[in-house]
Amino acid sequence: MADLKAGIDIIRPVNCFFAGISALAAMYIENASLATVLSATGLFAFVAVVLLCGAGNIFNDYFDIESDMINKPKRPLPSGRIKQKEAMALGLVLAFFGIVAAYRLNINALLLAGANLAILYTYSRMKETTPFGNIVVAYLAGSVFLFGGIAVSSVQKVWILALLSALATFAREITKDIEDIKGDKFRKTTLATYYGDKVAGIIGGSILIAAIFLSILPLRMHIFGARYLYGIFVADCIFAYCAYRLVAEPTKYASDNARLEKVGMWAALVAFIVGAMS
């Protein structure tokens, strides 16, 4: 029988909370109304994203257990703190209620949630056979902003934020693959195992640089005011530093870079929210 902490840990609640807040931020940016964010619409959007993200994390760990025994042995499944059947059951319950929450928003939100859930499950099962699975993860991360926009029936502003989020996530996933290259080498195909850590590092660093250049677009498109510039400057500095280390010493700094890139993504989210208030 799984303990409660194992059930919480496998969901990765911090990541799920981050995704939920991103959806709410997208709603605010698109609608410019705090009342909407705090309404039932905001609640259902937040719950849908958090639950579906949690389900996706469980599916990912369920099919990744062999690699995690080497790379992440303390995770709930490889450590034996939760059984595979229990984990899958929890994932299916979260997925069901996540879809129900999306249904309470509108038909487009339901369609996107359903499509993303199918992609999540399929990706989790097939990611060991392709080096391009990170593209799927990047899309899913960016689609959180699209989902928030769809919840208020508009994506005129948030599409660029979805693109920026996807690029930052793509780079971070490559960084994590470099970090896990030892355990992944004989078990699954990633950019790092397929092309080597050096090439993967160059690709990841290049994507971060592209994200930095694109981050100026919300200002040029008059989506955000001047406050956005101050916030995104912090995020861009972090991404630039990570890009340099990915190219220079990809394996040596992979673990630190993965953490720093997450900090950069938080900083970018704050910049989005502050920019919307300008």
C-alpha atoms as a PDB file:
ATOM      1  CA  MET A   1       0.000   0.000   0.000  1.00  0.00           C
ATOM      2  CA  ALA A   2       1.461   3.353  -1.033  1.00  0.00           C
ATOM      3  CA  ASP A   3       1.990   6.018   1.580  1.00  0.00           C
ATOM      4  CA  LEU A   4       0.450   9.448   1.129  1.00  0.00           C
ATOM      5  CA  LYS A   5       3.812  11.150   0.617  1.00  0.00           C
ATOM      6  CA  ALA A   6       4.673   8.807  -2.258  1.00  0.00           C
ATOM      7  CA  GLY A   7       1.342   9.576  -3.916  1.00  0.00           C
ATOM      8  CA  ILE A   8       2.040  13.308  -3.628  1.00  0.00           C
ATOM      9  CA  ASP A   9       5.679  13.064  -4.712  1.00  0.00           C
ATOM     10  CA  ILE A  10       4.937  11.161  -7.916  1.00  0.00           C
ATOM     11  CA  ILE A  11       2.560  13.924  -9.018  1.00  0.00           C
ATOM     12  CA  ARG A  12       5.368  16.512  -8.608  1.00  0.00           C
ATOM     13  CA  PRO A  13       3.074  19.110  -7.008  1.00  0.00           C
ATOM     14  CA  VAL A  14       5.446  22.061  -7.474  1.00  0.00           C
ATOM     15  CA  ASN A  15       5.525  21.520 -11.238  1.00  0.00           C
ATOM     16  CA  CYS A  16       1.752  21.078 -11.320  1.00  0.00           C
ATOM     17  CA  PHE A  17       1.233  24.261  -9.287  1.00  0.00           C
ATOM     18  CA  PHE A  18       3.552  26.142 -11.653  1.00  0.00           C
ATOM     19  CA  ALA A  19       1.512  24.911 -14.621  1.00  0.00           C
ATOM     20  CA  GLY A  20      -1.763  25.897 -12.952  1.00  0.00           C
ATOM     21  CA  ILE A  21      -0.470  29.379 -12.144  1.00  0.00           C
ATOM     22  CA  SER A  22       0.709  29.703 -15.751  1.00  0.00           C
ATOM     23  CA  ALA A  23      -2.833  29.011 -16.967  1.00  0.00           C
ATOM     24  CA  LEU A  24      -4.236  31.631 -14.587  1.00  0.00           C
ATOM     25  CA  ALA A  25      -1.581  34.097 -15.716  1.00  0.00           C
ATOM     26  CA  ALA A  26      -2.589  33.483 -19.333  1.00  0.00           C
ATOM     27  CA  MET A  27      -6.207  34.161 -18.425  1.00  0.00           C
ATOM     28  CA  TYR A  28      -5.262  37.436 -16.756  1.00  0.00           C
ATOM     29  CA  ILE A  29      -2.991  38.505 -19.612  1.00  0.00           C
ATOM     30  CA  GLU A  30      -5.653  37.776 -22.214  1.00  0.00           C
ATOM     31  CA  ASN A  31      -8.628  39.107 -20.258  1.00  0.00           C
ATOM     32  CA  ALA A  32      -6.938  41.740 -18.028  1.00  0.00           C
ATOM     33  CA  SER A  33      -9.475  40.958 -15.307  1.00  0.00           C
ATOM     34  CA  LEU A  34      -8.561  39.675 -11.861  1.00  0.00           C
ATOM     35  CA  ALA A  35     -12.239  38.968 -11.244  1.00  0.00           C
ATOM     36  CA  THR A  36     -12.218  36.392 -14.054  1.00  0.00           C
ATOM     37  CA  VAL A  37      -9.138  34.687 -12.637  1.00  0.00           C
ATOM     38  CA  LEU A  38     -10.793  34.447  -9.215  1.00  0.00           C
ATOM     39  CA  SER A  39     -14.105  33.220 -10.643  1.00  0.00           C
ATOM     40  CA  ALA A  40     -15.315  29.658 -11.211  1.00  0.00           C
ATOM     41  CA  THR A  41     -13.699  29.819 -14.655  1.00  0.00           C
ATOM     42  CA  GLY A  42     -10.304  30.398 -13.058  1.00  0.00           C
ATOM     43  CA  LEU A  43     -10.883  27.605 -10.560  1.00  0.00           C
ATOM     44  CA  PHE A  44     -11.822  25.042 -13.214  1.00  0.00           C
ATOM     45  CA  ALA A  45      -8.888  26.075 -15.421  1.00  0.00           C
ATOM     46  CA  PHE A  46      -6.439  25.766 -12.530  1.00  0.00           C
ATOM     47  CA  VAL A  47      -7.828  22.410 -11.393  1.00  0.00           C
ATOM     48  CA  ALA A  48      -7.861  20.998 -14.940  1.00  0.00           C
ATOM     49  CA  VAL A  49      -4.234  21.926 -15.584  1.00  0.00           C
ATOM     50  CA  VAL A  50      -2.979  20.750 -12.179  1.00  0.00           C
ATOM     51  CA  LEU A  51      -4.747  17.377 -12.405  1.00  0.00           C
ATOM     52  CA  LEU A  52      -3.781  16.684 -16.019  1.00  0.00           C
ATOM     53  CA  CYS A  53      -0.193  17.715 -15.339  1.00  0.00           C
ATOM     54  CA  GLY A  54      -0.123  15.363 -12.343  1.00  0.00           C
ATOM     55  CA  ALA A  55      -1.539  12.534 -14.439  1.00  0.00           C
ATOM     56  CA  GLY A  56       1.079  13.163 -17.119  1.00  0.00           C
ATOM     57  CA  ASN A  57       3.890  13.047 -14.556  1.00  0.00           C
ATOM     58  CA  ILE A  58       2.597   9.707 -13.288  1.00  0.00           C
ATOM     59  CA  PHE A  59       2.327   8.231 -16.794  1.00  0.00           C
ATOM     60  CA  ASN A  60       5.863   9.453 -17.494  1.00  0.00           C
ATOM     61  CA  ASP A  61       7.281   7.775 -14.371  1.00  0.00           C
ATOM     62  CA  TYR A  62       5.262   4.602 -14.958  1.00  0.00           C
ATOM     63  CA  PHE A  63       6.877   3.959 -18.338  1.00  0.00           C
ATOM     64  CA  ASP A  64      10.270   5.372 -17.309  1.00  0.00           C
ATOM     65  CA  ILE A  65      10.835   3.146 -14.278  1.00  0.00           C
ATOM     66  CA  GLU A  66      13.858   1.287 -15.674  1.00  0.00           C
ATOM     67  CA  SER A  67      15.837   4.445 -16.438  1.00  0.00           C
ATOM     68  CA  ASP A  68      14.795   5.992 -13.140  1.00  0.00           C
ATOM     69  CA  MET A  69      16.261   3.043 -11.262  1.00  0.00           C
ATOM     70  CA  ILE A  70      19.640   4.404 -12.375  1.00  0.00           C
ATOM     71  CA  ASN A  71      19.021   8.139 -12.783  1.00  0.00           C
ATOM     72  CA  LYS A  72      16.396   8.815 -10.092  1.00  0.00           C
ATOM     73  CA  PRO A  73      16.362   5.784  -7.732  1.00  0.00           C
ATOM     74  CA  LYS A  74      14.718   7.764  -4.916  1.00  0.00           C
ATOM     75  CA  ARG A  75      11.590   8.519  -6.915  1.00  0.00           C
ATOM     76  CA  PRO A  76       8.423   6.798  -5.637  1.00  0.00           C
ATOM     77  CA  LEU A  77       8.244   4.018  -8.257  1.00  0.00           C
ATOM     78  CA  PRO A  78      11.882   2.849  -8.458  1.00  0.00           C
ATOM     79  CA  SER A  79      12.218   3.115  -4.667  1.00  0.00           C
ATOM     80  CA  GLY A  80       9.176   0.894  -4.206  1.00  0.00           C
ATOM     81  CA  ARG A  81       7.245   3.443  -2.142  1.00  0.00           C
ATOM     82  CA  ILE A  82       4.331   3.079  -4.551  1.00  0.00           C
ATOM     83  CA  LYS A  83       3.439   0.138  -6.793  1.00  0.00           C
ATOM     84  CA  GLN A  84       3.018   0.521 -10.544  1.00  0.00           C
ATOM     85  CA  LYS A  85      -0.658  -0.502 -10.429  1.00  0.00           C
ATOM     86  CA  GLU A  86      -1.346   2.044  -7.693  1.00  0.00           C
ATOM     87  CA  ALA A  87       0.452   4.769  -9.620  1.00  0.00           C
ATOM     88  CA  MET A  88      -1.462   4.059 -12.831  1.00  0.00           C
ATOM     89  CA  ALA A  89      -4.775   4.010 -10.956  1.00  0.00           C
ATOM     90  CA  LEU A  90      -3.976   7.394  -9.416  1.00  0.00           C
ATOM     91  CA  GLY A  91      -2.990   8.773 -12.822  1.00  0.00           C
ATOM     92  CA  LEU A  92      -6.262   7.650 -14.405  1.00  0.00           C
ATOM     93  CA  VAL A  93      -8.310   9.200 -11.577  1.00  0.00           C
ATOM     94  CA  LEU A  94      -6.493  12.520 -11.938  1.00  0.00           C
ATOM     95  CA  ALA A  95      -6.918  12.413 -15.719  1.00  0.00           C
ATOM     96  CA  PHE A  96     -10.663  11.769 -15.412  1.00  0.00           C
ATOM     97  CA  PHE A  97     -11.315  14.661 -13.051  1.00  0.00           C
ATOM     98  CA  GLY A  98      -8.999  16.913 -15.071  1.00  0.00           C
ATOM     99  CA  ILE A  99     -11.111  16.268 -18.168  1.00  0.00           C
ATOM    100  CA  VAL A 100     -14.282  16.931 -16.167  1.00  0.00           C
ATOM    101  CA  ALA A 101     -12.878  20.296 -15.044  1.00  0.00           C
ATOM    102  CA  ALA A 102     -12.002  21.179 -18.658  1.00  0.00           C
ATOM    103  CA  TYR A 103     -15.527  20.219 -19.727  1.00  0.00           C
ATOM    104  CA  ARG A 104     -16.891  22.814 -17.287  1.00  0.00           C
ATOM    105  CA  LEU A 105     -15.028  25.565 -19.177  1.00  0.00           C
ATOM    106  CA  ASN A 106     -15.978  25.266 -22.856  1.00  0.00           C
ATOM    107  CA  ILE A 107     -15.805  22.844 -25.763  1.00  0.00           C
ATOM    108  CA  ASN A 108     -12.454  24.141 -27.044  1.00  0.00           C
ATOM    109  CA  ALA A 109     -10.881  23.719 -23.603  1.00  0.00           C
ATOM    110  CA  LEU A 110     -12.242  20.176 -23.473  1.00  0.00           C
ATOM    111  CA  LEU A 111     -10.861  19.343 -26.933  1.00  0.00           C
ATOM    112  CA  LEU A 112      -7.409  20.720 -26.084  1.00  0.00           C
ATOM    113  CA  ALA A 113      -7.355  18.907 -22.744  1.00  0.00           C
ATOM    114  CA  GLY A 114      -8.420  15.638 -24.362  1.00  0.00           C
ATOM    115  CA  ALA A 115      -5.852  15.947 -27.133  1.00  0.00           C
ATOM    116  CA  ASN A 116      -3.085  16.792 -24.684  1.00  0.00           C
ATOM    117  CA  LEU A 117      -3.976  13.872 -22.438  1.00  0.00           C
ATOM    118  CA  ALA A 118      -3.782  11.494 -25.410  1.00  0.00           C
ATOM    119  CA  ILE A 119      -0.438  13.015 -26.429  1.00  0.00           C
ATOM    120  CA  LEU A 120       0.870  12.735 -22.856  1.00  0.00           C
ATOM    121  CA  TYR A 121       0.012   9.065 -22.585  1.00  0.00           C
ATOM    122  CA  THR A 122       1.292   8.186 -26.062  1.00  0.00           C
ATOM    123  CA  TYR A 123       4.512  10.129 -25.501  1.00  0.00           C
ATOM    124  CA  SER A 124       5.117   8.386 -22.171  1.00  0.00           C
ATOM    125  CA  ARG A 125       4.840   4.997 -23.868  1.00  0.00           C
ATOM    126  CA  MET A 126       6.885   5.798 -26.993  1.00  0.00           C
ATOM    127  CA  LYS A 127       9.514   8.304 -25.829  1.00  0.00           C
ATOM    128  CA  GLU A 128      12.210   5.634 -25.483  1.00  0.00           C
ATOM    129  CA  THR A 129      12.211   5.098 -29.257  1.00  0.00           C
ATOM    130  CA  THR A 130      12.685   8.664 -30.511  1.00  0.00           C
ATOM    131  CA  PRO A 131      15.224  11.421 -29.868  1.00  0.00           C
ATOM    132  CA  PHE A 132      12.578  14.080 -30.525  1.00  0.00           C
ATOM    133  CA  GLY A 133      10.257  13.430 -27.594  1.00  0.00           C
ATOM    134  CA  ASN A 134      11.327  16.735 -26.042  1.00  0.00           C
ATOM    135  CA  ILE A 135       9.392  18.530 -28.772  1.00  0.00           C
ATOM    136  CA  VAL A 136       6.234  16.954 -27.380  1.00  0.00           C
ATOM    137  CA  VAL A 137       7.067  18.075 -23.837  1.00  0.00           C
ATOM    138  CA  ALA A 138       7.809  21.581 -25.131  1.00  0.00           C
ATOM    139  CA  TYR A 139       4.463  21.738 -26.919  1.00  0.00           C
ATOM    140  CA  LEU A 140       2.619  20.541 -23.819  1.00  0.00           C
ATOM    141  CA  ALA A 141       4.290  23.206 -21.666  1.00  0.00           C
ATOM    142  CA  GLY A 142       3.429  25.945 -24.142  1.00  0.00           C
ATOM    143  CA  SER A 143      -0.128  24.692 -24.502  1.00  0.00           C
ATOM    144  CA  VAL A 144      -0.796  25.544 -20.850  1.00  0.00           C
ATOM    145  CA  PHE A 145      -0.812  29.221 -21.867  1.00  0.00           C
ATOM    146  CA  LEU A 146      -3.073  28.405 -24.813  1.00  0.00           C
ATOM    147  CA  PHE A 147      -5.411  26.567 -22.454  1.00  0.00           C
ATOM    148  CA  GLY A 148      -5.614  29.605 -20.174  1.00  0.00           C
ATOM    149  CA  GLY A 149      -6.433  31.786 -23.162  1.00  0.00           C
ATOM    150  CA  ILE A 150      -9.012  29.339 -24.471  1.00  0.00           C
ATOM    151  CA  ALA A 151     -10.654  29.340 -21.034  1.00  0.00           C
ATOM    152  CA  VAL A 152     -11.552  32.990 -21.683  1.00  0.00           C
ATOM    153  CA  SER A 153     -12.083  32.383 -25.425  1.00  0.00           C
ATOM    154  CA  SER A 154      -9.054  34.282 -26.767  1.00  0.00           C
ATOM    155  CA  VAL A 155      -5.398  33.535 -27.578  1.00  0.00           C
ATOM    156  CA  GLN A 156      -4.530  36.810 -29.339  1.00  0.00           C
ATOM    157  CA  LYS A 157      -1.857  37.689 -26.764  1.00  0.00           C
ATOM    158  CA  VAL A 158      -0.844  34.439 -25.139  1.00  0.00           C
ATOM    159  CA  TRP A 159       0.275  32.608 -28.270  1.00  0.00           C
ATOM    160  CA  ILE A 160       3.671  34.309 -28.111  1.00  0.00           C
ATOM    161  CA  LEU A 161       3.975  33.369 -24.436  1.00  0.00           C
ATOM    162  CA  ALA A 162       3.139  29.791 -25.365  1.00  0.00           C
ATOM    163  CA  LEU A 163       5.970  29.841 -27.906  1.00  0.00           C
ATOM    164  CA  LEU A 164       8.473  31.284 -25.418  1.00  0.00           C
ATOM    165  CA  SER A 165       7.455  28.734 -22.800  1.00  0.00           C
ATOM    166  CA  ALA A 166       7.830  25.915 -25.312  1.00  0.00           C
ATOM    167  CA  LEU A 167      11.354  27.016 -26.253  1.00  0.00           C
ATOM    168  CA  ALA A 168      12.499  27.343 -22.639  1.00  0.00           C
ATOM    169  CA  THR A 169      11.010  23.948 -21.809  1.00  0.00           C
ATOM    170  CA  PHE A 170      12.618  22.345 -24.870  1.00  0.00           C
ATOM    171  CA  ALA A 171      16.033  23.570 -23.740  1.00  0.00           C
ATOM    172  CA  ARG A 172      15.451  22.389 -20.166  1.00  0.00           C
ATOM    173  CA  GLU A 173      14.379  18.930 -21.323  1.00  0.00           C
ATOM    174  CA  ILE A 174      17.591  18.645 -23.349  1.00  0.00           C
ATOM    175  CA  THR A 175      19.534  19.690 -20.255  1.00  0.00           C
ATOM    176  CA  LYS A 176      17.795  16.974 -18.217  1.00  0.00           C
ATOM    177  CA  ASP A 177      18.609  14.421 -20.929  1.00  0.00           C
ATOM    178  CA  ILE A 178      22.294  15.377 -20.697  1.00  0.00           C
ATOM    179  CA  GLU A 179      22.085  14.973 -16.926  1.00  0.00           C
ATOM    180  CA  ASP A 180      20.512  11.507 -17.335  1.00  0.00           C
ATOM    181  CA  ILE A 181      22.692  10.318 -20.213  1.00  0.00           C
ATOM    182  CA  LYS A 182      24.316   7.550 -18.171  1.00  0.00           C
ATOM    183  CA  GLY A 183      21.059   5.815 -17.272  1.00  0.00           C
ATOM    184  CA  ASP A 184      19.397   6.528 -20.621  1.00  0.00           C
ATOM    185  CA  LYS A 185      22.244   5.353 -22.843  1.00  0.00           C
ATOM    186  CA  PHE A 186      21.174   1.745 -23.232  1.00  0.00           C
ATOM    187  CA  ARG A 187      17.469   2.173 -22.465  1.00  0.00           C
ATOM    188  CA  LYS A 188      16.016   5.017 -24.496  1.00  0.00           C
ATOM    189  CA  THR A 189      16.823   7.392 -27.320  1.00  0.00           C
ATOM    190  CA  THR A 190      17.230  11.085 -26.511  1.00  0.00           C
ATOM    191  CA  LEU A 191      19.068  13.918 -28.241  1.00  0.00           C
ATOM    192  CA  ALA A 192      21.903  13.398 -25.740  1.00  0.00           C
ATOM    193  CA  THR A 193      22.220   9.642 -26.302  1.00  0.00           C
ATOM    194  CA  TYR A 194      21.660   9.932 -30.066  1.00  0.00           C
ATOM    195  CA  TYR A 195      23.965  12.857 -30.888  1.00  0.00           C
ATOM    196  CA  GLY A 196      26.155  13.032 -27.774  1.00  0.00           C
ATOM    197  CA  ASP A 197      26.275  15.542 -24.945  1.00  0.00           C
ATOM    198  CA  LYS A 198      28.255  18.166 -26.886  1.00  0.00           C
ATOM    199  CA  VAL A 199      25.827  18.404 -29.793  1.00  0.00           C
ATOM    200  CA  ALA A 200      22.850  18.251 -27.424  1.00  0.00           C
ATOM    201  CA  GLY A 201      24.391  21.067 -25.395  1.00  0.00           C
ATOM    202  CA  ILE A 202      24.824  23.228 -28.495  1.00  0.00           C
ATOM    203  CA  ILE A 203      21.212  22.576 -29.525  1.00  0.00           C
ATOM    204  CA  GLY A 204      19.930  23.384 -26.027  1.00  0.00           C
ATOM    205  CA  GLY A 205      22.043  26.532 -25.785  1.00  0.00           C
ATOM    206  CA  SER A 206      20.914  27.702 -29.227  1.00  0.00           C
ATOM    207  CA  ILE A 207      17.266  27.253 -28.270  1.00  0.00           C
ATOM    208  CA  LEU A 208      17.778  29.345 -25.126  1.00  0.00           C
ATOM    209  CA  ILE A 209      19.387  32.104 -27.185  1.00  0.00           C
ATOM    210  CA  ALA A 210      16.453  31.992 -29.601  1.00  0.00           C
ATOM    211  CA  ALA A 211      14.068  32.342 -26.646  1.00  0.00           C
ATOM    212  CA  ILE A 212      16.009  35.390 -25.428  1.00  0.00           C
ATOM    213  CA  PHE A 213      15.684  37.124 -28.800  1.00  0.00           C
ATOM    214  CA  LEU A 214      12.007  36.248 -29.065  1.00  0.00           C
ATOM    215  CA  SER A 215      11.324  37.530 -25.549  1.00  0.00           C
ATOM    216  CA  ILE A 216      11.439  41.098 -26.884  1.00  0.00           C
ATOM    217  CA  LEU A 217       8.432  40.437 -29.152  1.00  0.00           C
ATOM    218  CA  PRO A 218       5.743  41.103 -26.508  1.00  0.00           C
ATOM    219  CA  LEU A 219       7.135  44.639 -26.193  1.00  0.00           C
ATOM    220  CA  ARG A 220       7.333  45.168 -29.953  1.00  0.00           C
ATOM    221  CA  MET A 221       3.801  43.844 -30.331  1.00  0.00           C
ATOM    222  CA  HIS A 222       2.581  46.160 -27.550  1.00  0.00           C
ATOM    223  CA  ILE A 223       1.272  43.223 -25.545  1.00  0.00           C
ATOM    224  CA  PHE A 224       3.128  44.371 -22.425  1.00  0.00           C
ATOM    225  CA  GLY A 225       4.336  47.664 -21.024  1.00  0.00           C
ATOM    226  CA  ALA A 226       7.779  48.723 -19.807  1.00  0.00           C
ATOM    227  CA  ARG A 227       7.576  46.755 -16.558  1.00  0.00           C
ATOM    228  CA  TYR A 228       7.843  43.548 -18.568  1.00  0.00           C
ATOM    229  CA  LEU A 229      11.310  44.587 -19.743  1.00  0.00           C
ATOM    230  CA  TYR A 230      12.707  44.682 -16.199  1.00  0.00           C
ATOM    231  CA  GLY A 231      11.308  41.279 -15.322  1.00  0.00           C
ATOM    232  CA  ILE A 232      12.274  39.519 -18.528  1.00  0.00           C
ATOM    233  CA  PHE A 233      15.807  40.948 -18.273  1.00  0.00           C
ATOM    234  CA  VAL A 234      16.353  38.813 -15.160  1.00  0.00           C
ATOM    235  CA  ALA A 235      15.023  35.701 -16.885  1.00  0.00           C
ATOM    236  CA  ASP A 236      17.097  36.362 -20.015  1.00  0.00           C
ATOM    237  CA  CYS A 237      20.282  36.775 -17.961  1.00  0.00           C
ATOM    238  CA  ILE A 238      19.655  33.385 -16.365  1.00  0.00           C
ATOM    239  CA  PHE A 239      18.957  31.777 -19.737  1.00  0.00           C
ATOM    240  CA  ALA A 240      22.072  33.350 -21.282  1.00  0.00           C
ATOM    241  CA  TYR A 241      24.231  32.009 -18.440  1.00  0.00           C
ATOM    242  CA  CYS A 242      22.713  28.536 -18.837  1.00  0.00           C
ATOM    243  CA  ALA A 243      23.195  28.670 -22.611  1.00  0.00           C
ATOM    244  CA  TYR A 244      26.891  29.458 -22.166  1.00  0.00           C
ATOM    245  CA  ARG A 245      27.390  26.555 -19.765  1.00  0.00           C
ATOM    246  CA  LEU A 246      25.421  24.160 -21.984  1.00  0.00           C
ATOM    247  CA  VAL A 247      27.780  24.860 -24.854  1.00  0.00           C
ATOM    248  CA  ALA A 248      30.981  25.039 -22.804  1.00  0.00           C
ATOM    249  CA  GLU A 249      30.559  22.110 -20.381  1.00  0.00           C
ATOM    250  CA  PRO A 250      27.211  20.403 -20.978  1.00  0.00           C
ATOM    251  CA  THR A 251      27.682  17.381 -18.715  1.00  0.00           C
ATOM    252  CA  LYS A 252      29.516  19.137 -15.901  1.00  0.00           C
ATOM    253  CA  TYR A 253      26.805  21.755 -15.354  1.00  0.00           C
ATOM    254  CA  ALA A 254      23.719  19.790 -16.444  1.00  0.00           C
ATOM    255  CA  SER A 255      22.255  19.327 -12.969  1.00  0.00           C
ATOM    256  CA  ASP A 256      22.784  22.962 -11.939  1.00  0.00           C
ATOM    257  CA  ASN A 257      21.522  24.187 -15.300  1.00  0.00           C
ATOM    258  CA  ALA A 258      18.275  22.223 -14.986  1.00  0.00           C
ATOM    259  CA  ARG A 259      17.569  23.952 -11.670  1.00  0.00           C
ATOM    260  CA  LEU A 260      18.626  27.371 -12.942  1.00  0.00           C
ATOM    261  CA  GLU A 261      16.503  27.086 -16.056  1.00  0.00           C
ATOM    262  CA  LYS A 262      13.473  26.389 -13.874  1.00  0.00           C
ATOM    263  CA  VAL A 263      14.267  29.562 -11.902  1.00  0.00           C
ATOM    264  CA  GLY A 264      14.488  31.410 -15.223  1.00  0.00           C
ATOM    265  CA  MET A 265      11.071  30.095 -16.208  1.00  0.00           C
ATOM    266  CA  TRP A 266       9.592  31.316 -12.918  1.00  0.00           C
ATOM    267  CA  ALA A 267      11.204  34.719 -13.495  1.00  0.00           C
ATOM    268  CA  ALA A 268       9.730  34.837 -17.007  1.00  0.00           C
ATOM    269  CA  LEU A 269       6.271  34.002 -15.663  1.00  0.00           C
ATOM    270  CA  VAL A 270       6.540  36.835 -13.148  1.00  0.00           C
ATOM    271  CA  ALA A 271       7.603  39.131 -15.991  1.00  0.00           C
ATOM    272  CA  PHE A 272       4.507  38.102 -17.980  1.00  0.00           C
ATOM    273  CA  ILE A 273       2.201  38.867 -15.058  1.00  0.00           C
ATOM    274  CA  VAL A 274       3.891  42.161 -14.171  1.00  0.00           C
ATOM    275  CA  GLY A 275       3.902  43.144 -17.830  1.00  0.00           C
ATOM    276  CA  ALA A 276       0.165  42.566 -18.061  1.00  0.00           C
ATOM    277  CA  MET A 277      -0.308  44.979 -15.165  1.00  0.00           C
ATOM    278  CA  SER A 278       1.531  47.798 -16.955  1.00  0.00           C
END
